[in-house]
């Protein structure tokens, strides 16, 4: 902390900022929702895999962009929530194939 304060004073660097706990929770929940919607929409493994790569690169880019602006946004909890939700949705579709057929027919 002392190093940050000295760098801010001597070098003119901005201090790191971060969100409150409820904002971080909303951020992680939002990425979990994105992961669930992606797994629900894409039924083919190749399409889902490509979508996951694009989403993870987007998430990393957003977090890195905020970091370059001296901010701190949770990356690892967001990635874990996104992937865990996708795994749960895919396993649910495998366990209940009737639900998937109804969803595709409507």
PDB file of N, CA and C in Angstrom:
ATOM      1  N   UNK A   1       0.825  -1.179   0.000  1.00  0.00           N
ATOM      2  CA  UNK A   1       0.000   0.000   0.000  1.00  0.00           C
ATOM      3  C   UNK A   1       0.874   1.250   0.000  1.00  0.00           C
ATOM      4  N   UNK A   2       1.941   1.178   0.743  1.00  0.00           N
ATOM      5  CA  UNK A   2       2.853   2.315   0.801  1.00  0.00           C
ATOM      6  C   UNK A   2       3.475   2.577  -0.569  1.00  0.00           C
ATOM      7  N   UNK A   3       3.802   1.511  -1.287  1.00  0.00           N
ATOM      8  CA  UNK A   3       4.371   1.659  -2.624  1.00  0.00           C
ATOM      9  C   UNK A   3       3.387   2.344  -3.573  1.00  0.00           C
ATOM     10  N   UNK A   4       2.110   1.981  -3.468  1.00  0.00           N
ATOM     11  CA  UNK A   4       1.090   2.627  -4.306  1.00  0.00           C
ATOM     12  C   UNK A   4       0.972   4.112  -3.994  1.00  0.00           C
ATOM     13  N   UNK A   5       0.973   4.429  -2.731  1.00  0.00           N
ATOM     14  CA  UNK A   5       0.837   5.828  -2.331  1.00  0.00           C
ATOM     15  C   UNK A   5       2.043   6.642  -2.800  1.00  0.00           C
ATOM     16  N   UNK A   6       3.244   6.078  -2.637  1.00  0.00           N
ATOM     17  CA  UNK A   6       4.446   6.786  -3.096  1.00  0.00           C
ATOM     18  C   UNK A   6       4.459   6.937  -4.611  1.00  0.00           C
ATOM     19  N   UNK A   7       4.034   5.882  -5.342  1.00  0.00           N
ATOM     20  CA  UNK A   7       3.976   5.983  -6.808  1.00  0.00           C
ATOM     21  C   UNK A   7       2.941   7.008  -7.247  1.00  0.00           C
ATOM     22  N   UNK A   8       1.861   7.102  -6.514  1.00  0.00           N
ATOM     23  CA  UNK A   8       0.832   8.085  -6.851  1.00  0.00           C
ATOM     24  C   UNK A   8       1.345   9.500  -6.649  1.00  0.00           C
ATOM     25  N   UNK A   9       2.099   9.700  -5.593  1.00  0.00           N
ATOM     26  CA  UNK A   9       2.594  11.044  -5.293  1.00  0.00           C
ATOM     27  C   UNK A   9       3.781  11.412  -6.179  1.00  0.00           C
ATOM     28  N   UNK A  10       4.742  10.519  -6.284  1.00  0.00           N
ATOM     29  CA  UNK A  10       5.981  10.842  -6.995  1.00  0.00           C
ATOM     30  C   UNK A  10       5.846  10.715  -8.513  1.00  0.00           C
ATOM     31  N   UNK A  11       5.174   9.681  -8.982  1.00  0.00           N
ATOM     32  CA  UNK A  11       5.082   9.431 -10.426  1.00  0.00           C
ATOM     33  C   UNK A  11       3.773   9.909 -11.040  1.00  0.00           C
ATOM     34  N   UNK A  12       2.831  10.318 -10.232  1.00  0.00           N
ATOM     35  CA  UNK A  12       1.541  10.773 -10.744  1.00  0.00           C
ATOM     36  C   UNK A  12       0.644   9.634 -11.212  1.00  0.00           C
ATOM     37  N   UNK A  13       0.901   8.414 -10.744  1.00  0.00           N
ATOM     38  CA  UNK A  13       0.061   7.271 -11.116  1.00  0.00           C
ATOM     39  C   UNK A  13      -1.232   7.286 -10.304  1.00  0.00           C
ATOM     40  N   UNK A  14      -2.335   6.891 -10.916  1.00  0.00           N
ATOM     41  CA  UNK A  14      -3.593   6.844 -10.155  1.00  0.00           C
ATOM     42  C   UNK A  14      -3.621   5.635  -9.213  1.00  0.00           C
ATOM     43  N   UNK A  15      -4.335   5.778  -8.133  1.00  0.00           N
ATOM     44  CA  UNK A  15      -4.507   4.673  -7.194  1.00  0.00           C
ATOM     45  C   UNK A  15      -5.519   3.674  -7.756  1.00  0.00           C
ATOM     46  N   UNK A  16      -5.348   2.412  -7.391  1.00  0.00           N
ATOM     47  CA  UNK A  16      -6.289   1.386  -7.828  1.00  0.00           C
ATOM     48  C   UNK A  16      -7.659   1.613  -7.197  1.00  0.00           C
ATOM     49  N   UNK A  17      -8.700   1.369  -7.984  1.00  0.00           N
ATOM     50  CA  UNK A  17     -10.065   1.437  -7.471  1.00  0.00           C
ATOM     51  C   UNK A  17     -10.732   0.096  -7.729  1.00  0.00           C
ATOM     52  N   UNK A  18     -11.779  -0.181  -6.984  1.00  0.00           N
ATOM     53  CA  UNK A  18     -12.521  -1.422  -7.148  1.00  0.00           C
ATOM     54  C   UNK A  18     -13.959  -1.182  -6.779  1.00  0.00           C
ATOM     55  N   UNK A  19     -14.795  -2.146  -7.161  1.00  0.00           N
ATOM     56  CA  UNK A  19     -16.222  -2.045  -6.886  1.00  0.00           C
ATOM     57  C   UNK A  19     -16.538  -2.529  -5.483  1.00  0.00           C
ATOM     58  N   UNK A  20     -17.719  -2.180  -5.035  1.00  0.00           N
ATOM     59  CA  UNK A  20     -18.183  -2.689  -3.749  1.00  0.00           C
ATOM     60  C   UNK A  20     -18.561  -4.163  -3.909  1.00  0.00           C
ATOM     61  N   UNK A  21     -18.822  -4.807  -2.798  1.00  0.00           N
ATOM     62  CA  UNK A  21     -19.134  -6.237  -2.813  1.00  0.00           C
ATOM     63  C   UNK A  21     -20.376  -6.579  -3.608  1.00  0.00           C
ATOM     64  N   UNK A  22     -21.418  -5.751  -3.502  1.00  0.00           N
ATOM     65  CA  UNK A  22     -22.647  -6.077  -4.230  1.00  0.00           C
ATOM     66  C   UNK A  22     -22.473  -5.866  -5.735  1.00  0.00           C
ATOM     67  N   UNK A  23     -21.622  -4.911  -6.153  1.00  0.00           N
ATOM     68  CA  UNK A  23     -21.357  -4.716  -7.581  1.00  0.00           C
ATOM     69  C   UNK A  23     -20.560  -5.883  -8.152  1.00  0.00           C
ATOM     70  N   UNK A  24     -19.594  -6.375  -7.385  1.00  0.00           N
ATOM     71  CA  UNK A  24     -18.836  -7.537  -7.835  1.00  0.00           C
ATOM     72  C   UNK A  24     -19.740  -8.758  -7.923  1.00  0.00           C
ATOM     73  N   UNK A  25     -20.633  -8.911  -6.954  1.00  0.00           N
ATOM     74  CA  UNK A  25     -21.587 -10.019  -6.998  1.00  0.00           C
ATOM     75  C   UNK A  25     -22.505  -9.934  -8.210  1.00  0.00           C
ATOM     76  N   UNK A  26     -22.939  -8.735  -8.537  1.00  0.00           N
ATOM     77  CA  UNK A  26     -23.774  -8.530  -9.715  1.00  0.00           C
ATOM     78  C   UNK A  26     -22.989  -8.824 -10.986  1.00  0.00           C
ATOM     79  N   UNK A  27     -21.735  -8.446 -11.032  1.00  0.00           N
ATOM     80  CA  UNK A  27     -20.864  -8.724 -12.175  1.00  0.00           C
ATOM     81  C   UNK A  27     -20.721 -10.241 -12.382  1.00  0.00           C
ATOM     82  N   UNK A  28     -20.434 -10.967 -11.309  1.00  0.00           N
ATOM     83  CA  UNK A  28     -20.265 -12.422 -11.400  1.00  0.00           C
ATOM     84  C   UNK A  28     -21.589 -13.079 -11.774  1.00  0.00           C
ATOM     85  N   UNK A  29     -22.676 -12.629 -11.191  1.00  0.00           N
ATOM     86  CA  UNK A  29     -23.989 -13.186 -11.509  1.00  0.00           C
ATOM     87  C   UNK A  29     -24.339 -12.938 -12.973  1.00  0.00           C
ATOM     88  N   UNK A  30     -24.009 -11.785 -13.482  1.00  0.00           N
ATOM     89  CA  UNK A  30     -24.280 -11.466 -14.882  1.00  0.00           C
ATOM     90  C   UNK A  30     -23.523 -12.390 -15.826  1.00  0.00           C
ATOM     91  N   UNK A  31     -22.260 -12.680 -15.522  1.00  0.00           N
ATOM     92  CA  UNK A  31     -21.500 -13.592 -16.374  1.00  0.00           C
ATOM     93  C   UNK A  31     -22.004 -15.018 -16.240  1.00  0.00           C
ATOM     94  N   UNK A  32     -22.506 -15.370 -15.078  1.00  0.00           N
ATOM     95  CA  UNK A  32     -23.141 -16.674 -14.928  1.00  0.00           C
ATOM     96  C   UNK A  32     -24.393 -16.763 -15.798  1.00  0.00           C
ATOM     97  N   UNK A  33     -25.145 -15.695 -15.847  1.00  0.00           N
ATOM     98  CA  UNK A  33     -26.338 -15.642 -16.695  1.00  0.00           C
ATOM     99  C   UNK A  33     -25.959 -15.747 -18.172  1.00  0.00           C
ATOM    100  N   UNK A  34     -24.893 -15.070 -18.573  1.00  0.00           N
ATOM    101  CA  UNK A  34     -24.419 -15.164 -19.955  1.00  0.00           C
ATOM    102  C   UNK A  34     -24.007 -16.603 -20.283  1.00  0.00           C
ATOM    103  N   UNK A  35     -23.332 -17.255 -19.360  1.00  0.00           N
ATOM    104  CA  UNK A  35     -22.937 -18.649 -19.575  1.00  0.00           C
ATOM    105  C   UNK A  35     -24.132 -19.575 -19.696  1.00  0.00           C
ATOM    106  N   UNK A  36     -25.140 -19.368 -18.871  1.00  0.00           N
ATOM    107  CA  UNK A  36     -26.337 -20.185 -18.955  1.00  0.00           C
ATOM    108  C   UNK A  36     -27.100 -19.980 -20.250  1.00  0.00           C
ATOM    109  N   UNK A  37     -27.228 -18.737 -20.677  1.00  0.00           N
ATOM    110  CA  UNK A  37     -27.931 -18.460 -21.930  1.00  0.00           C
ATOM    111  C   UNK A  37     -27.168 -19.024 -23.123  1.00  0.00           C
ATOM    112  N   UNK A  38     -25.851 -18.972 -23.076  1.00  0.00           N
ATOM    113  CA  UNK A  38     -25.043 -19.515 -24.162  1.00  0.00           C
ATOM    114  C   UNK A  38     -25.210 -21.031 -24.248  1.00  0.00           C
ATOM    115  N   UNK A  39     -25.138 -21.711 -23.113  1.00  0.00           N
ATOM    116  CA  UNK A  39     -25.297 -23.166 -23.111  1.00  0.00           C
ATOM    117  C   UNK A  39     -26.708 -23.561 -23.520  1.00  0.00           C
ATOM    118  N   UNK A  40     -27.689 -22.752 -23.191  1.00  0.00           N
ATOM    119  CA  UNK A  40     -29.077 -23.037 -23.553  1.00  0.00           C
ATOM    120  C   UNK A  40     -29.294 -22.872 -25.057  1.00  0.00           C
ATOM    121  N   UNK A  41     -28.618 -21.883 -25.646  1.00  0.00           N
ATOM    122  CA  UNK A  41     -28.835 -21.562 -27.052  1.00  0.00           C
ATOM    123  C   UNK A  41     -28.080 -22.498 -27.990  1.00  0.00           C
ATOM    124  N   UNK A  42     -26.810 -22.762 -27.691  1.00  0.00           N
ATOM    125  CA  UNK A  42     -25.980 -23.586 -28.572  1.00  0.00           C
ATOM    126  C   UNK A  42     -26.049 -25.040 -28.142  1.00  0.00           C
ATOM    127  N   UNK A  43     -26.565 -25.905 -29.024  1.00  0.00           N
ATOM    128  CA  UNK A  43     -26.701 -27.318 -28.668  1.00  0.00           C
ATOM    129  C   UNK A  43     -25.544 -28.159 -29.190  1.00  0.00           C
ATOM    130  N   UNK A  44     -24.859 -27.713 -30.230  1.00  0.00           N
ATOM    131  CA  UNK A  44     -23.746 -28.480 -30.778  1.00  0.00           C
ATOM    132  C   UNK A  44     -22.466 -28.144 -30.020  1.00  0.00           C
ATOM    133  N   UNK A  45     -21.670 -29.167 -29.693  1.00  0.00           N
ATOM    134  CA  UNK A  45     -20.453 -28.926 -28.899  1.00  0.00           C
ATOM    135  C   UNK A  45     -19.462 -27.975 -29.557  1.00  0.00           C
ATOM    136  N   UNK A  46     -19.304 -28.050 -30.875  1.00  0.00           N
ATOM    137  CA  UNK A  46     -18.362 -27.159 -31.545  1.00  0.00           C
ATOM    138  C   UNK A  46     -18.807 -25.703 -31.443  1.00  0.00           C
ATOM    139  N   UNK A  47     -20.087 -25.460 -31.656  1.00  0.00           N
ATOM    140  CA  UNK A  47     -20.610 -24.089 -31.553  1.00  0.00           C
ATOM    141  C   UNK A  47     -20.494 -23.564 -30.124  1.00  0.00           C
ATOM    142  N   UNK A  48     -20.805 -24.428 -29.166  1.00  0.00           N
ATOM    143  CA  UNK A  48     -20.699 -24.022 -27.763  1.00  0.00           C
ATOM    144  C   UNK A  48     -19.244 -23.733 -27.400  1.00  0.00           C
ATOM    145  N   UNK A  49     -18.329 -24.568 -27.881  1.00  0.00           N
ATOM    146  CA  UNK A  49     -16.908 -24.344 -27.595  1.00  0.00           C
ATOM    147  C   UNK A  49     -16.405 -23.031 -28.174  1.00  0.00           C
ATOM    148  N   UNK A  50     -16.798 -22.740 -29.403  1.00  0.00           N
ATOM    149  CA  UNK A  50     -16.391 -21.473 -30.012  1.00  0.00           C
ATOM    150  C   UNK A  50     -16.996 -20.283 -29.272  1.00  0.00           C
ATOM    151  N   UNK A  51     -18.255 -20.424 -28.881  1.00  0.00           N
ATOM    152  CA  UNK A  51     -18.901 -19.345 -28.130  1.00  0.00           C
ATOM    153  C   UNK A  51     -18.211 -19.125 -26.790  1.00  0.00           C
ATOM    154  N   UNK A  52     -17.809 -20.210 -26.136  1.00  0.00           N
ATOM    155  CA  UNK A  52     -17.116 -20.092 -24.851  1.00  0.00           C
ATOM    156  C   UNK A  52     -15.784 -19.360 -25.032  1.00  0.00           C
ATOM    157  N   UNK A  53     -15.048 -19.707 -26.075  1.00  0.00           N
ATOM    158  CA  UNK A  53     -13.760 -19.037 -26.323  1.00  0.00           C
ATOM    159  C   UNK A  53     -13.971 -17.544 -26.561  1.00  0.00           C
ATOM    160  N   UNK A  54     -14.958 -17.195 -27.367  1.00  0.00           N
ATOM    161  CA  UNK A  54     -15.230 -15.779 -27.652  1.00  0.00           C
ATOM    162  C   UNK A  54     -15.641 -15.041 -26.381  1.00  0.00           C
ATOM    163  N   UNK A  55     -16.494 -15.666 -25.584  1.00  0.00           N
ATOM    164  CA  UNK A  55     -16.953 -15.018 -24.353  1.00  0.00           C
ATOM    165  C   UNK A  55     -15.810 -14.859 -23.362  1.00  0.00           C
ATOM    166  N   UNK A  56     -14.967 -15.880 -23.222  1.00  0.00           N
ATOM    167  CA  UNK A  56     -13.842 -15.772 -22.294  1.00  0.00           C
ATOM    168  C   UNK A  56     -12.842 -14.709 -22.744  1.00  0.00           C
ATOM    169  N   UNK A  57     -12.601 -14.611 -24.032  1.00  0.00           N
ATOM    170  CA  UNK A  57     -11.718 -13.555 -24.523  1.00  0.00           C
ATOM    171  C   UNK A  57     -12.321 -12.168 -24.293  1.00  0.00           C
ATOM    172  N   UNK A  58     -13.636 -12.066 -24.464  1.00  0.00           N
ATOM    173  CA  UNK A  58     -14.314 -10.796 -24.192  1.00  0.00           C
ATOM    174  C   UNK A  58     -14.210 -10.419 -22.722  1.00  0.00           C
ATOM    175  N   UNK A  59     -14.444 -11.398 -21.860  1.00  0.00           N
ATOM    176  CA  UNK A  59     -14.361 -11.151 -20.419  1.00  0.00           C
ATOM    177  C   UNK A  59     -12.954 -10.738 -20.021  1.00  0.00           C
ATOM    178  N   UNK A  60     -11.945 -11.444 -20.549  1.00  0.00           N
ATOM    179  CA  UNK A  60     -10.563 -11.083 -20.249  1.00  0.00           C
ATOM    180  C   UNK A  60     -10.241  -9.681 -20.764  1.00  0.00           C
ATOM    181  N   UNK A  61     -10.711  -9.371 -21.967  1.00  0.00           N
ATOM    182  CA  UNK A  61     -10.466  -8.041 -22.525  1.00  0.00           C
ATOM    183  C   UNK A  61     -11.100  -6.939 -21.697  1.00  0.00           C
ATOM    184  N   UNK A  62     -12.312  -7.177 -21.228  1.00  0.00           N
ATOM    185  CA  UNK A  62     -12.967  -6.173 -20.381  1.00  0.00           C
ATOM    186  C   UNK A  62     -12.212  -5.974 -19.072  1.00  0.00           C
ATOM    187  N   UNK A  63     -11.837  -7.087 -18.431  1.00  0.00           N
ATOM    188  CA  UNK A  63     -11.121  -6.974 -17.160  1.00  0.00           C
ATOM    189  C   UNK A  63      -9.759  -6.318 -17.354  1.00  0.00           C
ATOM    190  N   UNK A  64      -9.068  -6.664 -18.447  1.00  0.00           N
ATOM    191  CA  UNK A  64      -7.766  -6.041 -18.711  1.00  0.00           C
ATOM    192  C   UNK A  64      -7.920  -4.559 -19.032  1.00  0.00           C
ATOM    193  N   UNK A  65      -8.973  -4.220 -19.780  1.00  0.00           N
ATOM    194  CA  UNK A  65      -9.221  -2.822 -20.092  1.00  0.00           C
ATOM    195  C   UNK A  65      -9.484  -1.993 -18.853  1.00  0.00           C
ATOM    196  N   UNK A  66     -10.256  -2.535 -17.937  1.00  0.00           N
ATOM    197  CA  UNK A  66     -10.513  -1.825 -16.675  1.00  0.00           C
ATOM    198  C   UNK A  66      -9.228  -1.724 -15.860  1.00  0.00           C
ATOM    199  N   UNK A  67      -8.410  -2.779 -15.912  1.00  0.00           N
ATOM    200  CA  UNK A  67      -7.144  -2.754 -15.166  1.00  0.00           C
ATOM    201  C   UNK A  67      -6.198  -1.683 -15.703  1.00  0.00           C
ATOM    202  N   UNK A  68      -6.199  -1.477 -17.022  1.00  0.00           N
ATOM    203  CA  UNK A  68      -5.347  -0.423 -17.575  1.00  0.00           C
ATOM    204  C   UNK A  68      -5.832   0.969 -17.171  1.00  0.00           C
ATOM    205  N   UNK A  69      -7.077   1.063 -16.755  1.00  0.00           N
ATOM    206  CA  UNK A  69      -7.624   2.322 -16.250  1.00  0.00           C
ATOM    207  C   UNK A  69      -7.522   2.411 -14.733  1.00  0.00           C
ATOM    208  N   UNK A  70      -6.646   1.573 -14.146  1.00  0.00           N
ATOM    209  CA  UNK A  70      -6.380   1.534 -12.703  1.00  0.00           C
ATOM    210  C   UNK A  70      -7.565   1.002 -11.914  1.00  0.00           C
ATOM    211  N   UNK A  71      -8.334   0.101 -12.512  1.00  0.00           N
ATOM    212  CA  UNK A  71      -9.457  -0.508 -11.815  1.00  0.00           C
ATOM    213  C   UNK A  71      -9.231  -1.988 -11.595  1.00  0.00           C
ATOM    214  N   UNK A  72     -10.028  -2.552 -10.724  1.00  0.00           N
ATOM    215  CA  UNK A  72      -9.931  -3.971 -10.410  1.00  0.00           C
ATOM    216  C   UNK A  72     -11.323  -4.588 -10.496  1.00  0.00           C
ATOM    217  N   UNK A  73     -11.485  -5.533 -11.426  1.00  0.00           N
ATOM    218  CA  UNK A  73     -12.748  -6.235 -11.629  1.00  0.00           C
ATOM    219  C   UNK A  73     -12.456  -7.725 -11.510  1.00  0.00           C
ATOM    220  N   UNK A  74     -13.291  -8.488 -10.794  1.00  0.00           N
ATOM    221  CA  UNK A  74     -12.993  -9.911 -10.597  1.00  0.00           C
ATOM    222  C   UNK A  74     -13.075 -10.710 -11.898  1.00  0.00           C
ATOM    223  N   UNK A  75     -11.973 -11.358 -12.262  1.00  0.00           N
ATOM    224  CA  UNK A  75     -11.917 -12.181 -13.466  1.00  0.00           C
ATOM    225  C   UNK A  75     -12.161 -13.651 -13.152  1.00  0.00           C
ATOM    226  N   UNK A  76     -11.422 -14.206 -12.220  1.00  0.00           N
ATOM    227  CA  UNK A  76     -11.489 -15.644 -11.946  1.00  0.00           C
ATOM    228  C   UNK A  76     -12.872 -16.062 -11.429  1.00  0.00           C
ATOM    229  N   UNK A  77     -13.500 -15.352 -10.484  1.00  0.00           N
ATOM    230  CA  UNK A  77     -14.849 -15.755 -10.083  1.00  0.00           C
ATOM    231  C   UNK A  77     -15.857 -15.691 -11.230  1.00  0.00           C
ATOM    232  N   UNK A  78     -15.677 -14.719 -12.116  1.00  0.00           N
ATOM    233  CA  UNK A  78     -16.579 -14.601 -13.260  1.00  0.00           C
ATOM    234  C   UNK A  78     -16.403 -15.777 -14.215  1.00  0.00           C
ATOM    235  N   UNK A  79     -15.158 -16.160 -14.477  1.00  0.00           N
ATOM    236  CA  UNK A  79     -14.884 -17.298 -15.358  1.00  0.00           C
ATOM    237  C   UNK A  79     -15.442 -18.579 -14.749  1.00  0.00           C
ATOM    238  N   UNK A  80     -15.230 -18.772 -13.453  1.00  0.00           N
ATOM    239  CA  UNK A  80     -15.723 -19.984 -12.797  1.00  0.00           C
ATOM    240  C   UNK A  80     -17.253 -20.043 -12.809  1.00  0.00           C
ATOM    241  N   UNK A  81     -17.905 -18.926 -12.579  1.00  0.00           N
ATOM    242  CA  UNK A  81     -19.372 -18.894 -12.604  1.00  0.00           C
ATOM    243  C   UNK A  81     -19.896 -19.165 -14.010  1.00  0.00           C
ATOM    244  N   UNK A  82     -19.272 -18.583 -15.010  1.00  0.00           N
ATOM    245  CA  UNK A  82     -19.672 -18.784 -16.401  1.00  0.00           C
ATOM    246  C   UNK A  82     -19.551 -20.251 -16.791  1.00  0.00           C
ATOM    247  N   UNK A  83     -18.402 -20.858 -16.511  1.00  0.00           N
ATOM    248  CA  UNK A  83     -18.179 -22.245 -16.890  1.00  0.00           C
ATOM    249  C   UNK A  83     -19.029 -23.215 -16.077  1.00  0.00           C
ATOM    250  N   UNK A  84     -19.179 -22.954 -14.785  1.00  0.00           N
ATOM    251  CA  UNK A  84     -19.987 -23.844 -13.948  1.00  0.00           C
ATOM    252  C   UNK A  84     -21.448 -23.839 -14.390  1.00  0.00           C
ATOM    253  N   UNK A  85     -21.967 -22.682 -14.727  1.00  0.00           N
ATOM    254  CA  UNK A  85     -23.351 -22.608 -15.196  1.00  0.00           C
ATOM    255  C   UNK A  85     -23.512 -23.343 -16.516  1.00  0.00           C
ATOM    256  N   UNK A  86     -22.544 -23.217 -17.404  1.00  0.00           N
ATOM    257  CA  UNK A  86     -22.627 -23.932 -18.670  1.00  0.00           C
ATOM    258  C   UNK A  86     -22.578 -25.436 -18.474  1.00  0.00           C
ATOM    259  N   UNK A  87     -21.729 -25.908 -17.581  1.00  0.00           N
ATOM    260  CA  UNK A  87     -21.655 -27.339 -17.312  1.00  0.00           C
ATOM    261  C   UNK A  87     -22.978 -27.842 -16.744  1.00  0.00           C
ATOM    262  N   UNK A  88     -23.572 -27.107 -15.842  1.00  0.00           N
ATOM    263  CA  UNK A  88     -24.851 -27.518 -15.251  1.00  0.00           C
ATOM    264  C   UNK A  88     -25.942 -27.574 -16.311  1.00  0.00           C
ATOM    265  N   UNK A  89     -26.002 -26.592 -17.193  1.00  0.00           N
ATOM    266  CA  UNK A  89     -27.024 -26.581 -18.239  1.00  0.00           C
ATOM    267  C   UNK A  89     -26.822 -27.744 -19.205  1.00  0.00           C
ATOM    268  N   UNK A  90     -25.589 -28.002 -19.622  1.00  0.00           N
ATOM    269  CA  UNK A  90     -25.320 -29.104 -20.549  1.00  0.00           C
ATOM    270  C   UNK A  90     -25.654 -30.436 -19.908  1.00  0.00           C
ATOM    271  N   UNK A  91     -25.280 -30.634 -18.653  1.00  0.00           N
ATOM    272  CA  UNK A  91     -25.616 -31.882 -17.968  1.00  0.00           C
ATOM    273  C   UNK A  91     -27.119 -32.030 -17.779  1.00  0.00           C
ATOM    274  N   UNK A  92     -27.795 -30.932 -17.552  1.00  0.00           N
ATOM    275  CA  UNK A  92     -29.252 -30.984 -17.398  1.00  0.00           C
ATOM    276  C   UNK A  92     -29.906 -31.392 -18.711  1.00  0.00           C
ATOM    277  N   UNK A  93     -29.410 -30.863 -19.823  1.00  0.00           N
ATOM    278  CA  UNK A  93     -29.937 -31.247 -21.142  1.00  0.00           C
ATOM    279  C   UNK A  93     -29.669 -32.717 -21.434  1.00  0.00           C
ATOM    280  N   UNK A  94     -28.537 -33.229 -21.004  1.00  0.00           N
ATOM    281  CA  UNK A  94     -28.255 -34.655 -21.225  1.00  0.00           C
ATOM    282  C   UNK A  94     -29.129 -35.535 -20.360  1.00  0.00           C
ATOM    283  N   UNK A  95     -29.439 -35.071 -19.171  1.00  0.00           N
ATOM    284  CA  UNK A  95     -30.245 -35.873 -18.249  1.00  0.00           C
ATOM    285  C   UNK A  95     -31.722 -35.813 -18.601  1.00  0.00           C
ATOM    286  N   UNK A  96     -32.157 -34.710 -19.109  1.00  0.00           N
ATOM    287  CA  UNK A  96     -33.561 -34.526 -19.487  1.00  0.00           C
ATOM    288  C   UNK A  96     -33.648 -34.163 -20.975  1.00  0.00           C
ATOM    289  N   UNK A  97     -33.496 -35.154 -21.871  1.00  0.00           N
ATOM    290  CA  UNK A  97     -33.511 -34.829 -23.306  1.00  0.00           C
ATOM    291  C   UNK A  97     -34.873 -34.379 -23.810  1.00  0.00           C
ATOM    292  N   UNK A  98     -35.959 -34.717 -23.096  1.00  0.00           N
ATOM    293  CA  UNK A  98     -37.300 -34.309 -23.526  1.00  0.00           C
ATOM    294  C   UNK A  98     -37.432 -32.793 -23.467  1.00  0.00           C
ATOM    295  N   UNK A  99     -36.848 -32.192 -22.455  1.00  0.00           N
ATOM    296  CA  UNK A  99     -36.907 -30.737 -22.316  1.00  0.00           C
ATOM    297  C   UNK A  99     -36.194 -30.074 -23.491  1.00  0.00           C
ATOM    298  N   UNK A 100     -35.065 -30.653 -23.914  1.00  0.00           N
ATOM    299  CA  UNK A 100     -34.317 -30.085 -25.028  1.00  0.00           C
ATOM    300  C   UNK A 100     -35.118 -30.205 -26.325  1.00  0.00           C
ATOM    301  N   UNK A 101     -35.781 -31.338 -26.537  1.00  0.00           N
ATOM    302  CA  UNK A 101     -36.572 -31.501 -27.751  1.00  0.00           C
ATOM    303  C   UNK A 101     -37.726 -30.519 -27.775  1.00  0.00           C
ATOM    304  N   UNK A 102     -38.366 -30.317 -26.653  1.00  0.00           N
ATOM    305  CA  UNK A 102     -39.474 -29.354 -26.601  1.00  0.00           C
ATOM    306  C   UNK A 102     -38.967 -27.942 -26.884  1.00  0.00           C
ATOM    307  N   UNK A 103     -37.790 -27.626 -26.351  1.00  0.00           N
ATOM    308  CA  UNK A 103     -37.218 -26.288 -26.549  1.00  0.00           C
ATOM    309  C   UNK A 103     -36.858 -26.084 -28.008  1.00  0.00           C
ATOM    310  N   UNK A 104     -36.335 -27.093 -28.678  1.00  0.00           N
ATOM    311  CA  UNK A 104     -35.953 -26.948 -30.076  1.00  0.00           C
ATOM    312  C   UNK A 104     -37.176 -26.899 -30.995  1.00  0.00           C
ATOM    313  N   UNK A 105     -38.252 -27.556 -30.630  1.00  0.00           N
ATOM    314  CA  UNK A 105     -39.457 -27.582 -31.470  1.00  0.00           C
ATOM    315  C   UNK A 105     -40.282 -26.305 -31.344  1.00  0.00           C
ATOM    316  N   UNK A 106     -40.130 -25.594 -30.280  1.00  0.00           N
ATOM    317  CA  UNK A 106     -40.966 -24.384 -30.121  1.00  0.00           C
ATOM    318  C   UNK A 106     -40.316 -23.152 -30.637  1.00  0.00           C
TER     319      UNK A 106
END
